[in-house]
Amino acid sequence: MQKTIAPIVKWAQRKDNVFLTVEVRDLKGEKVELTSNSLKFSANAEGVNYVFEINFFAEVVVEESKWTNYGLNVRFILSKKDKATSYWTRLIKETHKLQYLQVDWTKYIDEDDEAEEGGKGLDDWDSNKFQNFDHGHDHGHGHDHGHDHDHCHDHGHDHGHGHHHEDDDDEEDQEEPNAGNIDDLDQEEEVQQKEQVPKEADQQKQEQQ
């Protein structure tokens, strides 16, 4: 049986958003369920299942929130529903501490300093590279469209969700090796072309004789 543990999850916030980082490399088979009040996450890496579920301190807007797998980690940009109130006192609704939740000090700022330091630690957080939870806002990308559909509309249907997501994983597994080895493929084609040139020349000589 695979070992199941909670990953280290770091968080920071601004008035508009909460930023979460799941600190595990090479996570595969992500299952993500976001509601206005909670986040459920599961994925695996090197034979270990990483699972956590949190209830938020306040509500978020699913349609405005995004997430992505960066390879080094998995990142979430969660849009706060009430952007006029003060910073959240904590990430989760409950008052007890969860050992795997940590403050992301690389992004942490005081609320009073947001105007000056709002971009601290967020230089490589390009929201355009993130995918929406609500597939309705992402018609331009066929693969992401199906991917987001699973995350948004299969809440409570674990069997169906898992089935569709496995299909996505298979597609991703097939795509990644090809995408990562483009140079190798080009080199192979060049070698094959060079090998074919002498053969064609030999054929022409034989025809002339």
Protein backbone atom coordinates (compact mmCIF):
# COMPACT_ATOMS: atom_id res chain seq x y z
CA MET A 1 0.00 0.00 0.00
CA GLN A 2 1.15 3.50 -0.77
CA LYS A 3 2.02 5.79 2.08
CA THR A 4 -0.36 8.72 2.54
CA ILE A 5 0.83 11.94 4.16
CA ALA A 6 -0.02 15.64 4.16
CA PRO A 7 2.39 17.78 2.11
CA ILE A 8 3.92 21.00 3.37
CA VAL A 9 1.57 23.80 2.31
CA LYS A 10 2.80 27.40 2.53
CA TRP A 11 0.50 30.39 2.36
CA ALA A 12 0.57 34.16 2.07
CA GLN A 13 -2.08 36.77 1.30
CA ARG A 14 -2.94 40.16 -0.10
CA LYS A 15 -6.26 42.00 0.16
CA ASP A 16 -7.50 40.34 -3.04
CA ASN A 17 -5.91 36.90 -2.97
CA VAL A 18 -4.51 34.03 -0.95
CA PHE A 19 -1.44 32.26 -2.34
CA LEU A 20 -0.88 28.57 -1.57
CA THR A 21 2.15 26.48 -2.49
CA VAL A 22 2.22 22.69 -2.13
CA GLU A 23 5.91 22.01 -1.58
CA VAL A 24 6.37 18.66 -3.33
CA ARG A 25 8.24 18.03 -6.59
CA ASP A 26 6.90 16.14 -9.61
CA LEU A 27 3.35 15.63 -8.37
CA LYS A 28 1.14 13.62 -10.72
CA GLY A 29 -2.53 12.70 -10.86
CA GLU A 30 -3.72 15.84 -9.11
CA LYS A 31 -7.32 15.84 -7.92
CA VAL A 32 -8.41 19.31 -6.86
CA GLU A 33 -11.82 20.30 -5.55
CA LEU A 34 -12.38 23.93 -4.66
CA THR A 35 -15.54 25.36 -3.14
CA SER A 36 -16.13 28.79 -1.69
CA ASN A 37 -15.31 27.42 1.76
CA SER A 38 -12.81 24.60 1.27
CA LEU A 39 -10.04 23.01 -0.76
CA LYS A 40 -9.46 19.28 -1.20
CA PHE A 41 -6.22 18.15 -2.80
CA SER A 42 -4.61 14.82 -3.58
CA ALA A 43 -1.70 13.81 -5.80
CA ASN A 44 1.18 11.35 -5.83
CA ALA A 45 4.93 11.44 -6.27
CA GLU A 46 7.46 8.62 -6.01
CA GLY A 47 4.94 6.16 -4.62
CA VAL A 48 3.60 8.49 -1.92
CA ASN A 49 0.07 9.91 -1.80
CA TYR A 50 -0.09 13.54 -0.70
CA VAL A 51 -3.49 14.55 0.62
CA PHE A 52 -4.93 17.51 2.50
CA GLU A 53 -8.25 19.26 3.07
CA ILE A 54 -8.71 22.71 4.56
CA ASN A 55 -11.68 24.90 5.45
CA PHE A 56 -10.97 28.55 4.73
CA PHE A 57 -11.11 31.34 7.27
CA ALA A 58 -13.42 33.25 4.89
CA GLU A 59 -15.02 32.64 1.51
CA VAL A 60 -13.24 32.58 -1.83
CA VAL A 61 -14.60 32.99 -5.37
CA VAL A 62 -14.11 29.76 -7.31
CA GLU A 63 -14.63 31.39 -10.72
CA GLU A 64 -11.85 33.91 -10.07
CA SER A 65 -9.39 31.44 -8.56
CA LYS A 66 -6.64 29.59 -10.43
CA TRP A 67 -4.06 26.85 -9.95
CA THR A 68 -1.17 25.19 -11.78
CA ASN A 69 1.43 22.46 -11.41
CA TYR A 70 4.87 24.06 -11.81
CA GLY A 71 6.74 20.77 -11.51
CA LEU A 72 8.71 22.02 -8.53
CA ASN A 73 5.44 22.59 -6.68
CA VAL A 74 1.71 23.14 -7.14
CA ARG A 75 0.44 26.69 -6.76
CA PHE A 76 -2.98 28.20 -6.06
CA ILE A 77 -4.20 31.78 -6.42
CA LEU A 78 -7.45 31.94 -4.45
CA SER A 79 -9.57 35.05 -4.92
CA LYS A 80 -11.09 36.39 -1.72
CA LYS A 81 -14.83 37.05 -1.84
CA ASP A 82 -14.65 40.06 0.47
CA LYS A 83 -11.76 42.19 -0.75
CA ALA A 84 -12.63 45.19 1.39
CA THR A 85 -12.00 43.62 4.80
CA SER A 86 -8.74 43.32 6.63
CA TYR A 87 -6.28 40.48 6.07
CA TRP A 88 -7.42 37.06 7.22
CA THR A 89 -6.39 36.31 10.78
CA ARG A 90 -5.37 32.81 9.67
CA LEU A 91 -5.77 30.54 6.66
CA ILE A 92 -8.21 28.03 8.11
CA LYS A 93 -11.53 28.37 9.86
CA GLU A 94 -10.51 26.26 12.84
CA THR A 95 -8.44 27.79 15.60
CA HIS A 96 -6.19 24.76 16.07
CA LYS A 97 -2.93 24.57 14.15
CA LEU A 98 -2.21 22.10 11.38
CA GLN A 99 1.44 21.05 11.37
CA TYR A 100 1.74 20.96 7.58
CA LEU A 101 0.52 24.55 7.13
CA GLN A 102 3.26 27.18 7.21
CA VAL A 103 3.50 30.90 6.55
CA ASP A 104 5.28 31.59 3.27
CA TRP A 105 7.78 34.12 4.54
CA THR A 106 9.13 34.75 1.01
CA LYS A 107 5.78 36.38 0.19
CA TYR A 108 4.69 37.59 3.61
CA ILE A 109 4.03 41.29 4.15
CA ASP A 110 2.11 43.32 6.70
CA GLU A 111 -1.25 44.62 5.53
CA ASP A 112 -0.09 48.22 5.92
CA ASP A 113 2.84 47.58 3.55
CA GLU A 114 0.85 46.15 0.64
CA ALA A 115 0.94 49.34 -1.39
CA GLU A 116 4.75 49.31 -1.34
CA GLU A 117 5.57 45.59 -1.13
CA GLY A 118 2.54 43.94 -2.76
CA GLY A 119 4.66 42.12 -5.33
CA LYS A 120 7.07 40.58 -2.83
CA GLY A 121 7.85 36.98 -3.77
CA LEU A 122 5.37 36.94 -6.66
CA ASP A 123 7.67 37.73 -9.58
CA ASP A 124 7.30 34.23 -11.07
CA TRP A 125 3.58 33.94 -10.31
CA ASP A 126 2.19 34.78 -13.74
CA SER A 127 -1.55 34.24 -13.43
CA ASN A 128 -1.80 33.86 -17.23
CA LYS A 129 0.04 30.54 -16.88
CA PHE A 130 -2.51 29.29 -14.35
CA GLN A 131 -5.71 27.47 -15.28
CA ASN A 132 -9.17 28.35 -14.08
CA PHE A 133 -11.33 26.17 -11.88
CA ASP A 134 -14.35 27.38 -13.85
CA HIS A 135 -14.02 25.91 -17.35
CA GLY A 136 -16.54 28.42 -18.69
CA HIS A 137 -13.81 31.09 -18.79
CA ASP A 138 -11.30 28.93 -20.64
CA HIS A 139 -12.78 28.01 -24.01
CA GLY A 140 -9.58 28.58 -25.93
CA HIS A 141 -7.68 25.54 -24.64
CA GLY A 142 -9.19 22.19 -25.42
CA HIS A 143 -7.13 20.15 -22.99
CA ASP A 144 -7.52 22.59 -20.15
CA HIS A 145 -11.22 22.86 -20.90
CA GLY A 146 -11.76 19.20 -20.10
CA HIS A 147 -9.32 19.34 -17.23
CA ASP A 148 -11.15 22.20 -15.56
CA HIS A 149 -14.52 20.58 -16.15
CA ASP A 150 -13.48 17.67 -13.99
CA HIS A 151 -12.33 19.93 -11.19
CA CYS A 152 -15.44 22.07 -11.13
CA HIS A 153 -18.40 19.88 -11.79
CA ASP A 154 -17.61 16.51 -10.30
CA HIS A 155 -17.75 17.50 -6.64
CA GLY A 156 -19.03 14.54 -4.67
CA HIS A 157 -18.62 12.12 -7.60
CA ASP A 158 -15.26 10.67 -6.74
CA HIS A 159 -15.58 7.69 -9.05
CA GLY A 160 -16.45 9.73 -12.09
CA HIS A 161 -13.92 12.38 -11.19
CA GLY A 162 -11.16 9.85 -10.80
CA HIS A 163 -12.04 8.12 -14.07
CA HIS A 164 -11.94 11.29 -16.13
CA HIS A 165 -8.82 12.52 -14.42
CA GLU A 166 -6.96 9.30 -15.17
CA ASP A 167 -7.66 9.95 -18.84
CA ASP A 168 -6.15 13.40 -18.44
CA ASP A 169 -3.13 11.95 -16.72
CA ASP A 170 -2.59 9.49 -19.55
CA GLU A 171 -2.67 12.34 -22.03
CA GLU A 172 -0.26 14.38 -19.94
CA ASP A 173 2.12 11.44 -19.55
CA GLN A 174 2.11 10.96 -23.30
CA GLU A 175 2.63 14.63 -24.03
CA GLU A 176 5.41 15.38 -21.57
CA PRO A 177 8.11 13.03 -22.95
CA ASN A 178 7.54 14.33 -26.47
CA ALA A 179 7.62 17.95 -25.35
CA GLY A 180 10.81 17.38 -23.37
CA ASN A 181 12.70 15.59 -26.17
CA ILE A 182 12.13 17.85 -29.17
CA ASP A 183 15.86 18.37 -29.65
CA ASP A 184 16.48 14.64 -29.57
CA LEU A 185 13.84 14.05 -32.21
CA ASP A 186 15.33 16.74 -34.44
CA GLN A 187 18.73 15.13 -34.10
CA GLU A 188 17.34 11.74 -35.01
CA GLU A 189 15.69 13.18 -38.11
CA GLU A 190 18.96 14.80 -39.19
CA VAL A 191 20.82 11.50 -38.75
CA GLN A 192 18.18 9.65 -40.73
CA GLN A 193 18.38 12.23 -43.52
CA LYS A 194 22.16 11.96 -43.67
CA GLU A 195 21.91 8.17 -43.81
CA GLN A 196 19.40 8.35 -46.65
CA VAL A 197 21.57 10.60 -48.87
CA PRO A 198 24.33 8.00 -49.52
CA LYS A 199 21.69 5.33 -50.11
CA GLU A 200 19.96 7.45 -52.73
CA ALA A 201 23.30 8.17 -54.39
CA ASP A 202 24.11 4.44 -54.51
CA GLN A 203 20.75 3.74 -56.11
CA GLN A 204 21.39 6.35 -58.80
CA LYS A 205 24.79 4.83 -59.58
CA GLN A 206 23.30 1.38 -59.88
CA GLU A 207 20.63 2.67 -62.26
CA GLN A 208 23.25 4.36 -64.42
CA GLN A 209 25.30 1.15 -64.64
